[in-house]
């Protein structure tokens, strides 16, 4: 799967429960993290699980997001 536009929670919601890799505006990369929630009611953050820890990332900080397929290297 290619890049998913980070605008619009509806498109991001399709990734809930899936593993993704993200490129962020600060130059960092999050590899193979699970999307718990893309937010509802106008929330501006994405709820991720990273090695058992909850992480909230502002959607505006996401440059690109890619689904990680099972068996695919991160």
C-alpha atoms as a PDB file:
ATOM      1  CA  UNK A   1       0.000   0.000   0.000  1.00  0.00           C
ATOM      2  CA  UNK A   2       1.379   3.431  -0.837  1.00  0.00           C
ATOM      3  CA  UNK A   3       1.129   6.664   1.091  1.00  0.00           C
ATOM      4  CA  UNK A   4      -2.157   7.434   2.721  1.00  0.00           C
ATOM      5  CA  UNK A   5      -3.086  11.119   2.780  1.00  0.00           C
ATOM      6  CA  UNK A   6      -2.873  12.240   6.390  1.00  0.00           C
ATOM      7  CA  UNK A   7      -5.719  14.669   5.935  1.00  0.00           C
ATOM      8  CA  UNK A   8      -9.119  13.383   6.880  1.00  0.00           C
ATOM      9  CA  UNK A   9      -9.738  11.014   9.738  1.00  0.00           C
ATOM     10  CA  UNK A  10     -11.983   8.886   7.539  1.00  0.00           C
ATOM     11  CA  UNK A  11      -9.018   7.696   5.450  1.00  0.00           C
ATOM     12  CA  UNK A  12      -6.842   7.203   8.534  1.00  0.00           C
ATOM     13  CA  UNK A  13      -9.593   5.180  10.237  1.00  0.00           C
ATOM     14  CA  UNK A  14      -9.142   2.471   7.614  1.00  0.00           C
ATOM     15  CA  UNK A  15      -5.737   1.822   9.230  1.00  0.00           C
ATOM     16  CA  UNK A  16      -7.084   1.295  12.762  1.00  0.00           C
ATOM     17  CA  UNK A  17      -5.874  -2.087  14.024  1.00  0.00           C
ATOM     18  CA  UNK A  18      -3.149  -2.213  11.363  1.00  0.00           C
ATOM     19  CA  UNK A  19       0.617  -1.824  11.666  1.00  0.00           C
ATOM     20  CA  UNK A  20       2.077   1.230   9.967  1.00  0.00           C
ATOM     21  CA  UNK A  21       5.289   3.166   9.529  1.00  0.00           C
ATOM     22  CA  UNK A  22       5.208   6.955   9.769  1.00  0.00           C
ATOM     23  CA  UNK A  23       7.528   9.741   8.647  1.00  0.00           C
ATOM     24  CA  UNK A  24       7.223  12.830  10.842  1.00  0.00           C
ATOM     25  CA  UNK A  25       7.913  16.509  10.206  1.00  0.00           C
ATOM     26  CA  UNK A  26      10.802  16.511  12.722  1.00  0.00           C
ATOM     27  CA  UNK A  27      12.646  13.974  10.548  1.00  0.00           C
ATOM     28  CA  UNK A  28      11.970  10.953  12.748  1.00  0.00           C
ATOM     29  CA  UNK A  29      10.488   7.662  11.623  1.00  0.00           C
ATOM     30  CA  UNK A  30       8.190   5.320  13.558  1.00  0.00           C
ATOM     31  CA  UNK A  31       8.359   1.805  12.139  1.00  0.00           C
ATOM     32  CA  UNK A  32       5.800  -0.966  12.553  1.00  0.00           C
ATOM     33  CA  UNK A  33       3.518   0.662  15.118  1.00  0.00           C
ATOM     34  CA  UNK A  34      -0.159  -0.188  15.583  1.00  0.00           C
ATOM     35  CA  UNK A  35      -2.845   2.407  14.938  1.00  0.00           C
ATOM     36  CA  UNK A  36      -5.265   2.197  17.869  1.00  0.00           C
ATOM     37  CA  UNK A  37      -7.475   5.130  16.880  1.00  0.00           C
ATOM     38  CA  UNK A  38      -7.477   7.845  14.227  1.00  0.00           C
ATOM     39  CA  UNK A  39      -9.654   9.983  16.482  1.00  0.00           C
ATOM     40  CA  UNK A  40     -13.270  10.976  16.475  1.00  0.00           C
ATOM     41  CA  UNK A  41     -15.091  14.241  16.907  1.00  0.00           C
ATOM     42  CA  UNK A  42     -12.379  16.429  15.427  1.00  0.00           C
ATOM     43  CA  UNK A  43      -9.481  15.168  17.559  1.00  0.00           C
ATOM     44  CA  UNK A  44      -6.177  16.213  16.033  1.00  0.00           C
ATOM     45  CA  UNK A  45      -4.037  13.285  17.159  1.00  0.00           C
ATOM     46  CA  UNK A  46      -3.444   9.692  16.135  1.00  0.00           C
ATOM     47  CA  UNK A  47      -3.306   7.109  18.959  1.00  0.00           C
ATOM     48  CA  UNK A  48      -0.543   4.575  18.386  1.00  0.00           C
ATOM     49  CA  UNK A  49       0.861   1.619  20.339  1.00  0.00           C
ATOM     50  CA  UNK A  50       4.646   1.394  20.280  1.00  0.00           C
ATOM     51  CA  UNK A  51       6.181  -1.593  22.103  1.00  0.00           C
ATOM     52  CA  UNK A  52       3.316  -1.671  24.615  1.00  0.00           C
ATOM     53  CA  UNK A  53       3.359   2.099  25.207  1.00  0.00           C
ATOM     54  CA  UNK A  54       0.597   4.478  24.128  1.00  0.00           C
ATOM     55  CA  UNK A  55       1.795   7.324  21.928  1.00  0.00           C
ATOM     56  CA  UNK A  56      -0.240  10.238  20.612  1.00  0.00           C
ATOM     57  CA  UNK A  57       1.006  11.977  17.459  1.00  0.00           C
ATOM     58  CA  UNK A  58      -0.531  15.140  16.057  1.00  0.00           C
ATOM     59  CA  UNK A  59      -1.875  14.461  12.573  1.00  0.00           C
ATOM     60  CA  UNK A  60      -0.260  17.703  11.366  1.00  0.00           C
ATOM     61  CA  UNK A  61       3.161  16.205  12.242  1.00  0.00           C
ATOM     62  CA  UNK A  62       2.724  13.228   9.871  1.00  0.00           C
ATOM     63  CA  UNK A  63       4.373  13.572   6.472  1.00  0.00           C
ATOM     64  CA  UNK A  64       3.646  10.037   5.240  1.00  0.00           C
ATOM     65  CA  UNK A  65       2.054   6.884   6.562  1.00  0.00           C
ATOM     66  CA  UNK A  66       2.396   3.410   5.043  1.00  0.00           C
ATOM     67  CA  UNK A  67       0.760   0.160   6.044  1.00  0.00           C
ATOM     68  CA  UNK A  68       3.259  -2.544   7.006  1.00  0.00           C
ATOM     69  CA  UNK A  69       2.160  -5.881   5.577  1.00  0.00           C
ATOM     70  CA  UNK A  70       2.673  -9.090   7.552  1.00  0.00           C
ATOM     71  CA  UNK A  71       6.111 -10.461   6.735  1.00  0.00           C
ATOM     72  CA  UNK A  72       7.282  -7.127   5.283  1.00  0.00           C
ATOM     73  CA  UNK A  73      10.458  -5.636   6.710  1.00  0.00           C
ATOM     74  CA  UNK A  74       9.861  -2.315   8.460  1.00  0.00           C
END
